[in-house]
Amino acid sequence: MADGDDRLDRDLRNLYSHIESTPRPASITNLTPESIMNQRRIGIHLGGAAAVIALAAATAVAVVAAHPTRSLQSAAPAHTAAPSLTVPSPTPHPSVPTRVAPPPLSSSADPTAGWTTVSDPSGQFSFRIPPTWLKTGECVDTTVSTVLFVAPTAGPGGGLTCDDYNAGTPEMIKVEWTSSGASALSAIPDTSGSYATYTTTDVTVHGVLGNRVETTTDSTHTGSAFVQYSFVANGRSYSLILFPTSPSDPMITTLNTIVTHTWQFQS
């Protein structure tokens, strides 16, 4: 082995001498026998490493050839997927309806709330008037009828009497009823063409059918316009009459309210 190395050294020295004597590019310099020997030793080591790598590759090929159905991926442990997390959907709840409080009862539901009651046991009736209104006592109108009056203001004497009605001041509602068995009181008839309009309407009050007459006048019809309700009950005849100052007189509305909302027949 030593002789071989000595021979190799001699050959390398000869080669070095040949190289030194051969023209070369300027980039090749500083070649010495020692550097050449070092490069030889490095080559021997690199060659050994390459042989080891080649042997390992050949072994792997042989293993794969012996087990063709097995791959490198199958040799690795299988990756287990993490179980998916299912988030349950929220359960819908039925909507709760909003409670709306009923509106408070309005005092205007009864337009006669707080009114004063007027009753006449002998006449077998009752009704109500506004609390500030005045009323007269009973007055004998004829041998078969009795009257009383109601009005929003006092008469000239400071109170309210039957005579104030005849004087035409103040504006009054006349309530008249007959004695039992007397002939019925009827509305003033339009026999002379004294009214521009003469309107009759059926009306039922407290279970009793009656009628309502309303008239108007103009420059060629000079009668006294009036609004009158007439009923027959308990063997008696009843009449409520107003002579308004104009077709828009608010007393007409008050008369309508008195009759339709408050009038009662008594047995």
Protein backbone atom coordinates (compact mmCIF):
# COMPACT_ATOMS: atom_id res chain seq x y z
CA MET A 1 0.00 0.00 0.00
CA ALA A 2 2.92 2.32 0.80
CA ASP A 3 4.59 1.52 -2.52
CA GLY A 4 1.40 2.44 -4.29
CA ASP A 5 1.23 5.77 -2.53
CA ASP A 6 4.89 6.52 -3.34
CA ARG A 7 4.25 5.70 -6.94
CA LEU A 8 1.18 7.91 -7.00
CA ASP A 9 3.19 10.75 -5.47
CA ARG A 10 5.85 10.41 -8.15
CA ASP A 11 3.23 10.46 -10.86
CA LEU A 12 1.61 13.52 -9.39
CA ARG A 13 4.93 15.31 -9.16
CA ASN A 14 5.65 14.45 -12.78
CA LEU A 15 2.24 15.70 -13.70
CA TYR A 16 2.81 18.87 -11.75
CA SER A 17 6.12 19.43 -13.53
CA HIS A 18 4.32 18.90 -16.84
CA ILE A 19 1.63 21.30 -15.86
CA GLU A 20 4.12 23.88 -14.75
CA SER A 21 5.86 23.68 -18.03
CA THR A 22 2.60 23.90 -19.97
CA PRO A 23 1.22 27.36 -20.68
CA ARG A 24 -2.12 27.96 -18.79
CA PRO A 25 -4.59 30.66 -18.27
CA ALA A 26 -3.80 33.28 -15.75
CA SER A 27 -6.68 32.08 -13.58
CA ILE A 28 -4.97 28.74 -12.78
CA THR A 29 -2.30 29.50 -10.18
CA ASN A 30 -0.80 28.26 -6.98
CA LEU A 31 -0.99 24.55 -7.85
CA THR A 32 1.38 22.62 -5.63
CA PRO A 33 1.84 18.91 -4.99
CA GLU A 34 0.32 19.37 -1.56
CA SER A 35 -2.86 21.02 -2.93
CA ILE A 36 -3.23 18.31 -5.52
CA MET A 37 -2.90 15.62 -2.81
CA ASN A 38 -5.54 17.37 -0.69
CA GLN A 39 -7.95 17.49 -3.61
CA ARG A 40 -7.32 13.74 -4.16
CA ARG A 41 -8.15 12.96 -0.57
CA ILE A 42 -11.35 15.11 -0.72
CA GLY A 43 -12.37 13.25 -3.87
CA ILE A 44 -11.85 9.90 -2.13
CA HIS A 45 -14.14 10.96 0.75
CA LEU A 46 -16.79 12.34 -1.59
CA GLY A 47 -16.68 9.15 -3.60
CA GLY A 48 -17.30 7.10 -0.46
CA ALA A 49 -20.27 9.21 0.53
CA ALA A 50 -21.73 8.89 -2.95
CA ALA A 51 -21.40 5.10 -2.71
CA VAL A 52 -23.31 5.04 0.59
CA ILE A 53 -26.13 7.15 -0.91
CA ALA A 54 -26.27 4.89 -3.96
CA LEU A 55 -26.50 1.78 -1.73
CA ALA A 56 -29.41 3.32 0.30
CA ALA A 57 -31.27 4.21 -2.90
CA ALA A 58 -30.83 0.70 -4.23
CA THR A 59 -32.17 -0.75 -0.97
CA ALA A 60 -35.28 1.47 -1.13
CA VAL A 61 -35.93 0.41 -4.71
CA ALA A 62 -35.63 -3.24 -3.70
CA VAL A 63 -38.13 -2.77 -0.84
CA VAL A 64 -40.67 -1.07 -3.08
CA ALA A 65 -40.22 -3.78 -5.69
CA ALA A 66 -40.88 -6.47 -3.07
CA HIS A 67 -44.09 -4.69 -1.88
CA PRO A 68 -45.58 -3.01 -4.96
CA THR A 69 -48.90 -2.20 -3.22
CA ARG A 70 -47.25 -0.26 -0.45
CA SER A 71 -46.26 3.34 -0.93
CA LEU A 72 -44.41 5.80 1.17
CA GLN A 73 -47.67 7.57 1.90
CA SER A 74 -49.29 4.34 3.16
CA ALA A 75 -46.37 3.78 5.47
CA ALA A 76 -47.14 7.06 7.21
CA PRO A 77 -49.93 7.01 9.78
CA ALA A 78 -53.27 8.05 8.31
CA HIS A 79 -54.41 11.54 9.22
CA THR A 80 -57.70 11.40 11.10
CA ALA A 81 -59.99 14.33 10.34
CA ALA A 82 -61.25 16.16 13.36
CA PRO A 83 -64.96 15.62 13.90
CA SER A 84 -67.01 18.56 12.63
CA LEU A 85 -68.86 20.57 15.24
CA THR A 86 -72.53 21.09 14.44
CA VAL A 87 -74.05 24.18 16.03
CA PRO A 88 -77.78 23.70 16.47
CA SER A 89 -79.97 26.43 15.00
CA PRO A 90 -81.84 28.50 17.57
CA THR A 91 -85.37 27.31 18.11
CA PRO A 92 -87.80 30.00 16.90
CA HIS A 93 -90.19 31.20 19.54
CA PRO A 94 -93.69 32.29 18.61
CA SER A 95 -94.08 36.03 18.67
CA VAL A 96 -96.08 37.37 21.56
CA PRO A 97 -98.69 39.89 20.41
CA THR A 98 -98.41 43.27 21.99
CA ARG A 99 -101.31 43.96 24.29
CA VAL A 100 -102.92 47.25 23.51
CA ALA A 101 -104.88 48.78 26.33
CA PRO A 102 -108.41 49.71 25.33
CA PRO A 103 -108.96 53.43 25.04
CA PRO A 104 -110.46 55.02 28.14
CA LEU A 105 -114.15 55.55 28.07
CA SER A 106 -114.92 59.04 26.94
CA SER A 107 -117.37 61.08 28.93
CA SER A 108 -118.75 62.25 25.57
CA ALA A 109 -120.23 58.75 25.05
CA ASP A 110 -123.29 60.06 26.90
CA PRO A 111 -123.95 63.63 25.80
CA THR A 112 -126.39 64.07 28.69
CA ALA A 113 -124.05 63.03 31.52
CA GLY A 114 -124.58 65.37 34.47
CA TRP A 115 -127.89 66.71 33.21
CA THR A 116 -130.80 67.42 35.55
CA THR A 117 -133.86 65.14 35.57
CA VAL A 118 -137.33 66.62 35.10
CA SER A 119 -140.19 64.27 35.94
CA ASP A 120 -143.95 64.54 36.20
CA PRO A 121 -145.68 61.58 37.88
CA SER A 122 -149.13 62.81 36.88
CA GLY A 123 -148.05 63.17 33.27
CA GLN A 124 -146.22 59.84 33.41
CA PHE A 125 -142.97 60.98 31.78
CA SER A 126 -139.45 62.15 32.59
CA PHE A 127 -136.58 63.73 30.70
CA ARG A 128 -133.30 65.58 31.40
CA ILE A 129 -132.07 69.08 30.64
CA PRO A 130 -128.61 70.69 30.83
CA PRO A 131 -127.68 71.49 34.46
CA THR A 132 -127.74 75.27 33.96
CA TRP A 133 -131.20 75.29 32.40
CA LEU A 134 -134.37 76.45 34.19
CA LYS A 135 -137.87 74.99 34.17
CA THR A 136 -141.30 76.26 35.06
CA GLY A 137 -143.91 74.57 37.11
CA GLU A 138 -147.01 73.01 35.52
CA CYS A 139 -149.38 75.32 33.76
CA VAL A 140 -152.87 74.52 32.50
CA ASP A 141 -152.91 75.32 28.81
CA THR A 142 -156.42 74.13 27.99
CA THR A 143 -159.08 72.10 29.72
CA VAL A 144 -157.48 68.95 28.39
CA SER A 145 -153.73 69.68 28.40
CA THR A 146 -151.00 70.73 30.78
CA VAL A 147 -147.67 72.34 29.91
CA LEU A 148 -144.30 73.19 31.38
CA PHE A 149 -141.36 75.01 29.85
CA VAL A 150 -137.60 74.68 29.95
CA ALA A 151 -135.08 77.26 28.80
CA PRO A 152 -131.32 77.98 28.98
CA THR A 153 -131.85 81.46 30.48
CA ALA A 154 -134.22 83.24 32.82
CA GLY A 155 -137.09 85.42 31.70
CA PRO A 156 -137.42 89.17 32.22
CA GLY A 157 -138.58 88.66 35.78
CA GLY A 158 -135.42 86.85 36.78
CA GLY A 159 -136.95 83.38 36.77
CA LEU A 160 -138.92 81.33 34.31
CA THR A 161 -142.72 81.32 34.13
CA CYS A 162 -145.36 80.16 31.71
CA ASP A 163 -146.09 83.78 30.81
CA ASP A 164 -142.53 84.20 29.53
CA TYR A 165 -143.40 81.79 26.75
CA ASN A 166 -146.21 83.98 25.52
CA ALA A 167 -143.90 87.00 25.56
CA GLY A 168 -141.42 85.14 23.32
CA THR A 169 -138.49 85.76 25.63
CA PRO A 170 -136.42 83.79 26.31
CA GLU A 171 -136.35 81.01 23.74
CA MET A 172 -138.10 78.03 25.36
CA ILE A 173 -139.08 74.42 24.74
CA LYS A 174 -142.77 73.72 25.43
CA VAL A 175 -143.66 70.30 26.84
CA GLU A 176 -147.37 69.54 26.60
CA TRP A 177 -149.43 66.47 27.45
CA THR A 178 -153.10 65.70 27.56
CA SER A 179 -155.21 64.05 30.18
CA SER A 180 -155.98 60.37 29.76
CA GLY A 181 -158.40 59.65 26.93
CA ALA A 182 -158.12 63.09 25.29
CA SER A 183 -157.60 63.47 21.58
CA ALA A 184 -154.03 63.32 20.35
CA LEU A 185 -151.92 66.43 19.99
CA SER A 186 -150.82 66.82 16.41
CA ALA A 187 -148.28 69.08 14.77
CA ILE A 188 -149.35 72.41 13.39
CA PRO A 189 -150.65 71.63 9.89
CA ASP A 190 -149.45 73.44 6.80
CA THR A 191 -152.85 74.39 5.46
CA SER A 192 -152.09 77.86 4.15
CA GLY A 193 -148.68 77.32 2.52
CA SER A 194 -146.94 79.33 5.21
CA TYR A 195 -143.69 77.26 5.16
CA ALA A 196 -140.92 76.95 2.63
CA THR A 197 -140.35 73.34 3.72
CA TYR A 198 -142.45 70.98 5.84
CA THR A 199 -140.63 67.72 6.65
CA THR A 200 -142.16 64.82 8.59
CA THR A 201 -140.03 61.92 9.89
CA ASP A 202 -140.98 58.84 11.92
CA VAL A 203 -139.07 58.44 15.18
CA THR A 204 -139.20 55.83 17.94
CA VAL A 205 -138.45 56.90 21.52
CA HIS A 206 -138.48 54.56 24.52
CA GLY A 207 -140.29 51.97 22.45
CA VAL A 208 -143.03 54.36 21.30
CA LEU A 209 -143.42 55.31 17.64
CA GLY A 210 -143.97 59.01 16.98
CA ASN A 211 -143.11 61.64 14.40
CA ARG A 212 -140.96 64.69 14.04
CA VAL A 213 -141.93 67.74 11.96
CA GLU A 214 -139.48 70.47 10.98
CA THR A 215 -140.38 73.54 8.95
CA THR A 216 -138.48 76.44 7.43
CA THR A 217 -139.57 79.83 6.10
CA ASP A 218 -138.22 82.38 3.69
CA SER A 219 -139.15 85.84 2.40
CA THR A 220 -142.28 84.56 0.68
CA HIS A 221 -143.30 82.09 3.41
CA THR A 222 -143.88 84.06 6.59
CA GLY A 223 -145.06 81.40 9.00
CA SER A 224 -143.27 80.74 12.27
CA ALA A 225 -140.76 77.93 11.68
CA PHE A 226 -140.90 75.20 14.30
CA VAL A 227 -139.57 71.74 15.26
CA GLN A 228 -142.10 69.45 16.97
CA TYR A 229 -142.09 65.87 18.31
CA SER A 230 -145.44 64.09 18.90
CA PHE A 231 -146.20 60.74 20.63
CA VAL A 232 -149.15 58.81 22.02
CA ALA A 233 -148.58 56.54 25.04
CA ASN A 234 -150.44 55.45 28.17
CA GLY A 235 -153.66 56.84 26.70
CA ARG A 236 -152.07 60.31 26.56
CA SER A 237 -150.76 62.53 23.82
CA TYR A 238 -147.36 64.23 24.20
CA SER A 239 -145.77 67.10 22.31
CA LEU A 240 -142.46 68.92 22.55
CA ILE A 241 -142.16 72.03 20.38
CA LEU A 242 -139.54 74.68 19.74
CA PHE A 243 -139.70 77.87 17.65
CA PRO A 244 -136.03 78.32 16.65
CA THR A 245 -134.58 81.66 15.68
CA SER A 246 -132.96 80.18 12.54
CA PRO A 247 -132.41 76.79 10.86
CA SER A 248 -128.94 76.64 12.52
CA ASP A 249 -130.21 77.49 16.02
CA PRO A 250 -128.27 75.25 18.53
CA MET A 251 -131.50 74.86 20.50
CA ILE A 252 -132.64 72.46 17.73
CA THR A 253 -129.73 70.13 18.59
CA THR A 254 -130.56 70.36 22.30
CA LEU A 255 -134.21 69.48 21.65
CA ASN A 256 -133.18 66.50 19.54
CA THR A 257 -130.86 65.28 22.33
CA ILE A 258 -133.49 65.70 25.04
CA VAL A 259 -136.01 63.61 23.11
CA THR A 260 -133.78 60.90 21.63
CA HIS A 261 -131.46 60.41 24.65
CA THR A 262 -133.44 61.20 27.77
CA TRP A 263 -137.21 61.02 27.25
CA GLN A 264 -138.96 58.13 29.01
CA PHE A 265 -142.61 57.17 29.32
CA GLN A 266 -143.74 55.94 32.74
CA SER A 267 -146.63 53.60 33.38
